[in-house]
């Protein structure tokens, strides 16, 4: 009985201290920033995005490029340069697609679904090799009321989410 009481007392007092110490020690071992950026890469350049989506609005190509540049500039893991960076991101908008959300017979369409996919090539210009070439895709529904403005808002949102995903892939090896 004394043994159980002893273990219960020390389990409640020592276990949190031990776990807290382990978390403090291991917390410094891993970082989400700079985790996968090779040490020889110090600068990055981002080419102007190409829009292969056939959506018919050139503004999204410019917007996506600007969002991507702003994202890397604010992150500051790699210094952003206009050209000839140690690394290069080559972005392409591959898909902007909208489709009806499932509507039952007799119902009025109230929502549409937008999918925005982009491809990004992350290239090591120092070692002259591709680090990755991936497609990033995000989906969101929007209300059909005010369709034009809602569609534009959601496309902008999905492009921004894709820039977040690209940055995360570059800096953390995700």
N, C-alpha and C. Protein backbone atom coordinates (compact mmCIF):
# COMPACT_ATOMS: atom_id res chain seq x y z
N UNK A 1 0.82 -1.18 0.00
CA UNK A 1 0.00 0.00 0.00
C UNK A 1 0.86 1.25 0.00
N UNK A 2 1.95 1.22 0.82
CA UNK A 2 2.85 2.36 0.86
C UNK A 2 3.54 2.56 -0.49
N UNK A 3 3.86 1.47 -1.16
CA UNK A 3 4.52 1.55 -2.45
C UNK A 3 3.62 2.25 -3.47
N UNK A 4 2.34 1.90 -3.50
CA UNK A 4 1.40 2.52 -4.44
C UNK A 4 1.25 4.00 -4.13
N UNK A 5 1.15 4.34 -2.86
CA UNK A 5 1.03 5.73 -2.46
C UNK A 5 2.30 6.50 -2.85
N UNK A 6 3.46 5.90 -2.63
CA UNK A 6 4.74 6.52 -2.99
C UNK A 6 4.81 6.77 -4.50
N UNK A 7 4.47 5.75 -5.30
CA UNK A 7 4.51 5.88 -6.76
C UNK A 7 3.51 6.92 -7.26
N UNK A 8 2.32 6.92 -6.67
CA UNK A 8 1.30 7.88 -7.08
C UNK A 8 1.78 9.30 -6.80
N UNK A 9 2.38 9.52 -5.64
CA UNK A 9 2.87 10.85 -5.27
C UNK A 9 3.98 11.31 -6.24
N UNK A 10 4.95 10.46 -6.48
CA UNK A 10 6.06 10.85 -7.33
C UNK A 10 5.67 10.89 -8.81
N UNK A 11 4.70 10.09 -9.22
CA UNK A 11 4.23 10.14 -10.59
C UNK A 11 3.58 11.49 -10.86
N UNK A 12 2.82 11.99 -9.91
CA UNK A 12 2.13 13.27 -10.09
C UNK A 12 3.07 14.46 -9.96
N UNK A 13 4.16 14.32 -9.22
CA UNK A 13 5.05 15.47 -9.04
C UNK A 13 6.27 15.42 -9.95
N UNK A 14 6.86 14.25 -10.14
CA UNK A 14 8.08 14.16 -10.94
C UNK A 14 7.82 14.02 -12.43
N UNK A 15 6.77 13.32 -12.80
CA UNK A 15 6.50 13.09 -14.22
C UNK A 15 6.35 14.39 -15.00
N UNK A 16 5.56 15.38 -14.51
CA UNK A 16 5.49 16.65 -15.26
C UNK A 16 6.83 17.35 -15.36
N UNK A 17 7.65 17.26 -14.31
CA UNK A 17 8.98 17.88 -14.35
C UNK A 17 9.88 17.19 -15.37
N UNK A 18 9.84 15.88 -15.40
CA UNK A 18 10.66 15.12 -16.36
C UNK A 18 10.21 15.42 -17.79
N UNK A 19 8.91 15.35 -18.01
CA UNK A 19 8.40 15.62 -19.36
C UNK A 19 8.68 17.06 -19.79
N UNK A 20 8.53 18.00 -18.87
CA UNK A 20 8.83 19.39 -19.18
C UNK A 20 10.29 19.59 -19.55
N UNK A 21 11.19 18.92 -18.82
CA UNK A 21 12.63 19.01 -19.12
C UNK A 21 12.95 18.43 -20.48
N UNK A 22 12.34 17.29 -20.80
CA UNK A 22 12.56 16.66 -22.11
C UNK A 22 12.08 17.59 -23.22
N UNK A 23 10.92 18.21 -23.03
CA UNK A 23 10.39 19.11 -24.05
C UNK A 23 11.28 20.33 -24.24
N UNK A 24 11.84 20.86 -23.15
CA UNK A 24 12.73 22.00 -23.26
C UNK A 24 14.01 21.64 -24.01
N UNK A 25 14.57 20.49 -23.69
CA UNK A 25 15.80 20.06 -24.34
C UNK A 25 15.55 19.76 -25.82
N UNK A 26 14.49 19.02 -26.11
CA UNK A 26 14.21 18.65 -27.49
C UNK A 26 13.61 19.80 -28.29
N UNK A 27 13.02 20.75 -27.64
CA UNK A 27 12.44 21.89 -28.35
C UNK A 27 13.46 22.65 -29.16
N UNK A 28 14.69 22.70 -28.70
CA UNK A 28 15.74 23.40 -29.43
C UNK A 28 16.34 22.56 -30.53
N UNK A 29 15.98 21.30 -30.63
CA UNK A 29 16.57 20.42 -31.63
C UNK A 29 15.91 20.53 -32.99
N UNK A 30 14.69 21.01 -33.05
CA UNK A 30 13.97 21.05 -34.31
C UNK A 30 13.35 22.41 -34.50
N UNK A 31 13.40 22.89 -35.71
CA UNK A 31 12.83 24.19 -36.01
C UNK A 31 12.05 24.11 -37.30
N UNK A 32 10.94 24.85 -37.41
CA UNK A 32 10.17 24.87 -38.63
C UNK A 32 10.78 25.82 -39.66
N UNK A 33 11.64 26.72 -39.23
CA UNK A 33 12.25 27.64 -40.18
C UNK A 33 13.67 27.21 -40.44
N UNK A 34 14.01 27.13 -41.70
CA UNK A 34 15.37 26.79 -42.07
C UNK A 34 15.68 25.31 -41.94
N UNK A 35 14.66 24.48 -41.64
CA UNK A 35 14.90 23.07 -41.41
C UNK A 35 15.41 22.32 -42.61
N UNK A 36 15.02 22.68 -43.81
CA UNK A 36 15.44 21.91 -44.96
C UNK A 36 16.19 22.75 -45.99
N UNK A 37 16.43 24.01 -45.72
CA UNK A 37 17.15 24.83 -46.67
C UNK A 37 18.62 24.44 -46.59
N UNK A 38 19.18 23.95 -47.70
CA UNK A 38 20.61 23.60 -47.68
C UNK A 38 21.46 24.80 -47.26
N UNK A 39 22.50 24.57 -46.49
CA UNK A 39 23.29 25.68 -45.94
C UNK A 39 23.97 26.56 -47.00
N UNK A 40 24.21 26.02 -48.19
CA UNK A 40 24.88 26.83 -49.22
C UNK A 40 23.92 27.79 -49.93
N UNK A 41 22.61 27.66 -49.65
CA UNK A 41 21.63 28.56 -50.27
C UNK A 41 21.36 29.74 -49.34
N UNK A 42 21.69 30.91 -49.80
CA UNK A 42 21.50 32.13 -49.00
C UNK A 42 20.48 33.07 -49.63
N UNK A 43 20.33 33.02 -50.96
CA UNK A 43 19.42 33.92 -51.66
C UNK A 43 18.45 33.12 -52.52
N UNK A 44 17.33 33.75 -52.84
CA UNK A 44 16.34 33.11 -53.70
C UNK A 44 15.76 34.15 -54.65
N UNK A 45 15.52 33.73 -55.88
CA UNK A 45 14.81 34.58 -56.83
C UNK A 45 13.55 33.84 -57.25
N UNK A 46 12.52 34.62 -57.54
CA UNK A 46 11.22 34.05 -57.93
C UNK A 46 10.87 34.59 -59.30
N UNK A 47 10.71 33.70 -60.26
CA UNK A 47 10.35 34.15 -61.60
C UNK A 47 8.88 34.52 -61.64
N UNK A 48 8.50 35.33 -62.60
CA UNK A 48 7.09 35.69 -62.76
C UNK A 48 6.29 34.43 -63.09
N UNK A 49 5.18 34.28 -62.41
CA UNK A 49 4.35 33.09 -62.60
C UNK A 49 3.80 33.04 -64.02
N UNK A 50 3.69 31.84 -64.51
CA UNK A 50 3.04 31.57 -65.79
C UNK A 50 1.64 31.09 -65.46
N UNK A 51 0.64 31.53 -66.24
CA UNK A 51 -0.73 31.09 -66.01
C UNK A 51 -1.16 30.17 -67.14
N UNK A 52 -1.18 28.87 -66.85
CA UNK A 52 -1.63 27.87 -67.83
C UNK A 52 -3.03 27.37 -67.51
N UNK A 53 -3.77 28.13 -66.71
CA UNK A 53 -5.08 27.66 -66.24
C UNK A 53 -6.19 27.82 -67.27
N UNK A 54 -5.97 28.66 -68.27
CA UNK A 54 -7.01 28.97 -69.26
C UNK A 54 -8.25 29.59 -68.63
N UNK A 55 -8.09 30.21 -67.47
CA UNK A 55 -9.22 30.85 -66.81
C UNK A 55 -9.54 32.20 -67.44
N UNK A 56 -8.55 32.79 -68.08
CA UNK A 56 -8.80 34.00 -68.85
C UNK A 56 -8.66 35.31 -68.10
N UNK A 57 -7.94 35.32 -66.99
CA UNK A 57 -7.76 36.56 -66.24
C UNK A 57 -6.28 36.73 -65.90
N UNK A 58 -5.58 37.59 -66.63
CA UNK A 58 -4.13 37.74 -66.40
C UNK A 58 -3.77 38.34 -65.05
N UNK A 59 -4.72 38.93 -64.36
CA UNK A 59 -4.43 39.54 -63.06
C UNK A 59 -3.95 38.52 -62.04
N UNK A 60 -4.39 37.27 -62.16
CA UNK A 60 -4.03 36.27 -61.16
C UNK A 60 -2.56 35.87 -61.25
N UNK A 61 -2.00 35.90 -62.42
CA UNK A 61 -0.58 35.60 -62.61
C UNK A 61 0.27 36.62 -61.85
N UNK A 62 -0.08 37.88 -62.03
CA UNK A 62 0.65 38.96 -61.35
C UNK A 62 0.41 38.93 -59.84
N UNK A 63 -0.83 38.69 -59.45
CA UNK A 63 -1.16 38.61 -58.03
C UNK A 63 -0.41 37.47 -57.36
N UNK A 64 -0.41 36.31 -57.97
CA UNK A 64 0.26 35.14 -57.40
C UNK A 64 1.77 35.40 -57.26
N UNK A 65 2.37 36.00 -58.27
CA UNK A 65 3.80 36.33 -58.19
C UNK A 65 4.06 37.28 -57.03
N UNK A 66 3.26 38.31 -56.92
CA UNK A 66 3.43 39.29 -55.85
C UNK A 66 3.23 38.65 -54.46
N UNK A 67 2.20 37.80 -54.33
CA UNK A 67 1.97 37.12 -53.05
C UNK A 67 3.15 36.24 -52.67
N UNK A 68 3.69 35.54 -53.65
CA UNK A 68 4.82 34.64 -53.40
C UNK A 68 6.06 35.43 -52.98
N UNK A 69 6.34 36.51 -53.70
CA UNK A 69 7.47 37.38 -53.35
C UNK A 69 7.29 37.94 -51.94
N UNK A 70 6.11 38.45 -51.64
CA UNK A 70 5.84 39.02 -50.31
C UNK A 70 6.00 37.97 -49.21
N UNK A 71 5.55 36.75 -49.49
CA UNK A 71 5.64 35.67 -48.50
C UNK A 71 7.10 35.36 -48.18
N UNK A 72 7.95 35.23 -49.21
CA UNK A 72 9.36 34.93 -48.98
C UNK A 72 10.09 36.12 -48.36
N UNK A 73 9.71 37.32 -48.75
CA UNK A 73 10.33 38.51 -48.17
C UNK A 73 10.04 38.60 -46.67
N UNK A 74 8.81 38.35 -46.28
CA UNK A 74 8.45 38.46 -44.86
C UNK A 74 9.02 37.30 -44.04
N UNK A 75 9.20 36.14 -44.66
CA UNK A 75 9.76 35.00 -43.93
C UNK A 75 11.24 35.21 -43.62
N UNK A 76 11.99 35.68 -44.60
CA UNK A 76 13.40 36.04 -44.43
C UNK A 76 14.33 34.86 -44.14
N UNK A 77 13.91 33.63 -44.42
CA UNK A 77 14.83 32.49 -44.29
C UNK A 77 15.91 32.60 -45.36
N UNK A 78 15.49 32.94 -46.57
CA UNK A 78 16.41 33.20 -47.68
C UNK A 78 16.24 34.66 -48.09
N UNK A 79 17.33 35.31 -48.43
CA UNK A 79 17.25 36.70 -48.89
C UNK A 79 16.71 36.71 -50.31
N UNK A 80 15.72 37.53 -50.54
CA UNK A 80 15.09 37.61 -51.85
C UNK A 80 15.90 38.54 -52.75
N UNK A 81 16.23 38.06 -53.94
CA UNK A 81 16.92 38.87 -54.95
C UNK A 81 16.12 38.80 -56.25
N UNK A 82 16.27 39.82 -57.09
CA UNK A 82 15.49 39.86 -58.33
C UNK A 82 15.86 38.75 -59.30
N UNK A 83 17.16 38.49 -59.44
CA UNK A 83 17.58 37.41 -60.34
C UNK A 83 18.90 36.83 -59.86
N UNK A 84 19.23 35.69 -60.41
CA UNK A 84 20.48 35.00 -60.10
C UNK A 84 20.64 34.65 -58.63
N UNK A 85 19.55 34.22 -58.00
CA UNK A 85 19.63 33.76 -56.61
C UNK A 85 20.30 32.40 -56.54
N UNK A 86 20.77 32.05 -55.35
CA UNK A 86 21.33 30.71 -55.15
C UNK A 86 20.27 29.64 -55.41
N UNK A 87 19.03 30.00 -55.11
CA UNK A 87 17.89 29.11 -55.37
C UNK A 87 16.88 29.89 -56.20
N UNK A 88 16.00 29.15 -56.86
CA UNK A 88 15.01 29.80 -57.71
C UNK A 88 13.69 29.06 -57.57
N UNK A 89 12.62 29.84 -57.50
CA UNK A 89 11.27 29.27 -57.53
C UNK A 89 10.68 29.65 -58.89
N UNK A 90 10.17 28.65 -59.58
CA UNK A 90 9.53 28.85 -60.87
C UNK A 90 8.07 28.43 -60.71
N UNK A 91 7.16 29.41 -60.55
CA UNK A 91 5.75 29.09 -60.28
C UNK A 91 4.89 29.08 -61.56
N UNK A 92 3.92 28.18 -61.58
CA UNK A 92 2.97 28.08 -62.68
C UNK A 92 1.58 27.85 -62.10
N UNK A 93 0.62 28.68 -62.50
CA UNK A 93 -0.77 28.42 -62.13
C UNK A 93 -1.29 27.40 -63.14
N UNK A 94 -1.60 26.21 -62.68
CA UNK A 94 -2.01 25.14 -63.60
C UNK A 94 -3.51 25.02 -63.74
N UNK A 95 -4.25 25.31 -62.67
CA UNK A 95 -5.70 25.13 -62.70
C UNK A 95 -6.40 26.18 -61.86
N UNK A 96 -7.39 26.82 -62.46
CA UNK A 96 -8.41 27.56 -61.71
C UNK A 96 -9.71 27.00 -62.26
N UNK A 97 -10.37 26.20 -61.44
CA UNK A 97 -11.56 25.49 -61.92
C UNK A 97 -12.69 25.70 -60.94
N UNK A 98 -13.85 26.01 -61.48
CA UNK A 98 -15.03 26.09 -60.63
C UNK A 98 -16.05 25.08 -61.12
N UNK A 99 -16.79 24.57 -60.18
CA UNK A 99 -17.81 23.58 -60.50
C UNK A 99 -18.94 23.69 -59.50
N UNK A 100 -20.07 23.19 -59.91
CA UNK A 100 -21.24 23.23 -59.04
C UNK A 100 -21.06 22.26 -57.89
N UNK A 101 -21.47 22.70 -56.72
CA UNK A 101 -21.55 21.80 -55.58
C UNK A 101 -22.80 20.97 -55.84
N UNK A 102 -22.81 19.75 -55.41
CA UNK A 102 -23.93 18.85 -55.71
C UNK A 102 -25.26 19.50 -55.34
N UNK A 103 -26.15 19.52 -56.33
CA UNK A 103 -27.48 20.10 -56.16
C UNK A 103 -28.50 19.01 -56.47
N UNK A 104 -29.46 18.86 -55.59
CA UNK A 104 -30.52 17.86 -55.81
C UNK A 104 -31.57 18.42 -56.77
N UNK A 105 -32.28 17.56 -57.39
CA UNK A 105 -33.33 17.98 -58.33
C UNK A 105 -34.31 18.91 -57.62
N UNK A 106 -34.62 20.02 -58.26
CA UNK A 106 -35.56 20.99 -57.70
C UNK A 106 -34.91 22.04 -56.82
N UNK A 107 -33.64 21.84 -56.44
CA UNK A 107 -32.94 22.83 -55.62
C UNK A 107 -32.32 23.91 -56.50
N UNK A 108 -32.07 25.04 -55.91
CA UNK A 108 -31.38 26.13 -56.59
C UNK A 108 -29.92 26.08 -56.18
N UNK A 109 -29.05 26.28 -57.14
CA UNK A 109 -27.61 26.27 -56.84
C UNK A 109 -27.30 27.45 -55.92
N UNK A 110 -26.71 27.15 -54.76
CA UNK A 110 -26.38 28.19 -53.79
C UNK A 110 -24.86 28.35 -53.62
N UNK A 111 -24.13 27.29 -53.94
CA UNK A 111 -22.68 27.31 -53.76
C UNK A 111 -21.98 26.73 -54.97
N UNK A 112 -20.76 27.21 -55.17
CA UNK A 112 -19.89 26.65 -56.19
C UNK A 112 -18.56 26.33 -55.52
N UNK A 113 -17.85 25.41 -56.10
CA UNK A 113 -16.56 25.00 -55.56
C UNK A 113 -15.46 25.48 -56.49
N UNK A 114 -14.45 26.11 -55.92
CA UNK A 114 -13.28 26.56 -56.68
C UNK A 114 -12.07 25.75 -56.28
N UNK A 115 -11.30 25.34 -57.26
CA UNK A 115 -10.04 24.65 -57.04
C UNK A 115 -8.96 25.46 -57.73
N UNK A 116 -7.91 25.78 -57.00
CA UNK A 116 -6.76 26.47 -57.58
C UNK A 116 -5.54 25.61 -57.32
N UNK A 117 -4.89 25.21 -58.41
CA UNK A 117 -3.67 24.41 -58.32
C UNK A 117 -2.52 25.16 -58.96
N UNK A 118 -1.38 25.07 -58.32
CA UNK A 118 -0.17 25.69 -58.84
C UNK A 118 0.96 24.66 -58.78
N UNK A 119 1.89 24.84 -59.67
CA UNK A 119 3.08 23.99 -59.66
C UNK A 119 4.26 24.89 -59.33
N UNK A 120 5.15 24.40 -58.51
CA UNK A 120 6.34 25.18 -58.18
C UNK A 120 7.56 24.29 -58.32
N UNK A 121 8.53 24.80 -59.05
CA UNK A 121 9.83 24.13 -59.13
C UNK A 121 10.80 24.91 -58.25
N UNK A 122 11.43 24.20 -57.35
CA UNK A 122 12.43 24.77 -56.45
C UNK A 122 13.77 24.26 -56.96
N UNK A 123 14.58 25.18 -57.45
CA UNK A 123 15.81 24.82 -58.15
C UNK A 123 17.03 25.36 -57.41
N UNK A 124 18.02 24.51 -57.21
CA UNK A 124 19.30 24.89 -56.60
C UNK A 124 20.21 25.35 -57.74
N UNK A 125 20.42 26.66 -57.87
CA UNK A 125 21.22 27.21 -58.95
C UNK A 125 22.72 27.04 -58.69
N UNK A 126 23.11 26.82 -57.44
CA UNK A 126 24.52 26.62 -57.11
C UNK A 126 24.96 25.24 -57.59
N UNK A 127 24.19 24.22 -57.23
CA UNK A 127 24.52 22.84 -57.61
C UNK A 127 23.86 22.43 -58.92
N UNK A 128 23.10 23.33 -59.50
CA UNK A 128 22.44 23.10 -60.79
C UNK A 128 21.57 21.83 -60.76
N UNK A 129 20.71 21.77 -59.74
CA UNK A 129 19.81 20.62 -59.66
C UNK A 129 18.46 21.02 -59.08
N UNK A 130 17.46 20.31 -59.48
CA UNK A 130 16.10 20.54 -58.99
C UNK A 130 15.97 19.93 -57.60
N UNK A 131 15.49 20.73 -56.65
CA UNK A 131 15.23 20.21 -55.30
C UNK A 131 13.86 19.54 -55.28
N UNK A 132 12.85 20.21 -55.84
CA UNK A 132 11.55 19.57 -56.02
C UNK A 132 10.76 20.30 -57.10
N UNK A 133 9.79 19.60 -57.62
CA UNK A 133 8.79 20.16 -58.52
C UNK A 133 7.48 19.53 -58.06
N UNK A 134 6.60 20.36 -57.49
CA UNK A 134 5.37 19.84 -56.88
C UNK A 134 4.16 20.65 -57.30
N UNK A 135 3.02 19.99 -57.21
CA UNK A 135 1.75 20.67 -57.42
C UNK A 135 1.11 20.87 -56.05
N UNK A 136 0.63 22.10 -55.83
CA UNK A 136 -0.06 22.47 -54.60
C UNK A 136 -1.48 22.84 -54.99
N UNK A 137 -2.45 22.36 -54.25
CA UNK A 137 -3.83 22.60 -54.62
C UNK A 137 -4.66 22.90 -53.38
N UNK A 138 -5.56 23.87 -53.52
CA UNK A 138 -6.46 24.23 -52.45
C UNK A 138 -7.87 24.39 -53.02
N UNK A 139 -8.85 24.11 -52.18
CA UNK A 139 -10.26 24.11 -52.59
C UNK A 139 -11.07 24.91 -51.58
N UNK A 140 -12.07 25.63 -52.09
CA UNK A 140 -12.96 26.40 -51.21
C UNK A 140 -14.29 26.58 -51.93
N UNK A 141 -15.38 26.53 -51.17
CA UNK A 141 -16.70 26.82 -51.72
C UNK A 141 -17.01 28.31 -51.55
N UNK A 142 -17.86 28.82 -52.41
CA UNK A 142 -18.30 30.21 -52.26
C UNK A 142 -19.77 30.31 -52.61
N UNK A 143 -20.43 31.31 -52.04
CA UNK A 143 -21.86 31.52 -52.27
C UNK A 143 -22.08 32.09 -53.66
N UNK A 144 -23.11 31.60 -54.34
CA UNK A 144 -23.42 32.05 -55.70
C UNK A 144 -23.92 33.50 -55.69
N UNK A 145 -24.57 33.92 -54.61
CA UNK A 145 -24.98 35.32 -54.51
C UNK A 145 -23.71 36.16 -54.58
N UNK A 146 -23.72 37.22 -55.37
CA UNK A 146 -22.52 38.04 -55.61
C UNK A 146 -21.39 37.20 -56.20
N UNK A 147 -21.73 36.37 -57.16
CA UNK A 147 -20.80 35.37 -57.70
C UNK A 147 -19.47 35.95 -58.17
N UNK A 148 -19.49 37.04 -58.92
CA UNK A 148 -18.24 37.58 -59.48
C UNK A 148 -17.28 38.02 -58.38
N UNK A 149 -17.77 38.78 -57.42
CA UNK A 149 -16.88 39.26 -56.36
C UNK A 149 -16.46 38.13 -55.42
N UNK A 150 -17.37 37.20 -55.15
CA UNK A 150 -17.04 36.06 -54.30
C UNK A 150 -16.02 35.15 -54.99
N UNK A 151 -16.18 34.91 -56.27
CA UNK A 151 -15.24 34.09 -57.03
C UNK A 151 -13.85 34.71 -56.97
N UNK A 152 -13.77 36.01 -57.21
CA UNK A 152 -12.48 36.69 -57.17
C UNK A 152 -11.85 36.62 -55.78
N UNK A 153 -12.66 36.84 -54.74
CA UNK A 153 -12.16 36.78 -53.37
C UNK A 153 -11.60 35.40 -53.05
N UNK A 154 -12.31 34.35 -53.46
CA UNK A 154 -11.89 32.99 -53.16
C UNK A 154 -10.65 32.60 -53.98
N UNK A 155 -10.57 33.03 -55.22
CA UNK A 155 -9.36 32.75 -56.01
C UNK A 155 -8.15 33.39 -55.34
N UNK A 156 -8.30 34.62 -54.91
CA UNK A 156 -7.20 35.31 -54.21
C UNK A 156 -6.81 34.56 -52.93
N UNK A 157 -7.79 34.11 -52.19
CA UNK A 157 -7.55 33.35 -50.97
C UNK A 157 -6.81 32.04 -51.27
N UNK A 158 -7.24 31.34 -52.29
CA UNK A 158 -6.63 30.05 -52.62
C UNK A 158 -5.21 30.23 -53.16
N UNK A 159 -4.98 31.29 -53.92
CA UNK A 159 -3.61 31.58 -54.36
C UNK A 159 -2.72 31.84 -53.14
N UNK A 160 -3.25 32.59 -52.17
CA UNK A 160 -2.49 32.87 -50.95
C UNK A 160 -2.19 31.59 -50.19
N UNK A 161 -3.15 30.71 -50.08
CA UNK A 161 -2.91 29.43 -49.40
C UNK A 161 -1.81 28.63 -50.10
N UNK A 162 -1.83 28.68 -51.44
CA UNK A 162 -0.79 27.98 -52.19
C UNK A 162 0.58 28.59 -51.94
N UNK A 163 0.67 29.91 -51.80
CA UNK A 163 1.96 30.52 -51.48
C UNK A 163 2.44 30.07 -50.10
N UNK A 164 1.51 29.95 -49.16
CA UNK A 164 1.87 29.45 -47.82
C UNK A 164 2.44 28.03 -47.93
N UNK A 165 1.79 27.20 -48.74
CA UNK A 165 2.24 25.82 -48.90
C UNK A 165 3.62 25.74 -49.56
N UNK A 166 3.85 26.60 -50.54
CA UNK A 166 5.16 26.60 -51.22
C UNK A 166 6.24 27.03 -50.25
N UNK A 167 6.01 28.09 -49.50
CA UNK A 167 7.01 28.53 -48.52
C UNK A 167 7.30 27.43 -47.52
N UNK A 168 6.27 26.81 -47.01
CA UNK A 168 6.45 25.73 -46.03
C UNK A 168 7.26 24.58 -46.63
N UNK A 169 6.99 24.24 -47.88
CA UNK A 169 7.73 23.17 -48.54
C UNK A 169 9.21 23.51 -48.67
N UNK A 170 9.49 24.77 -48.98
CA UNK A 170 10.88 25.21 -49.16
C UNK A 170 11.63 25.23 -47.83
N UNK A 171 11.03 25.78 -46.79
CA UNK A 171 11.78 25.99 -45.55
C UNK A 171 11.73 24.81 -44.58
N UNK A 172 10.79 23.90 -44.77
CA UNK A 172 10.70 22.82 -43.79
C UNK A 172 10.77 21.42 -44.40
N UNK A 173 10.92 21.35 -45.70
CA UNK A 173 11.02 20.03 -46.32
C UNK A 173 9.72 19.26 -46.32
N UNK A 174 8.61 19.96 -46.18
CA UNK A 174 7.29 19.33 -46.13
C UNK A 174 6.92 18.74 -47.45
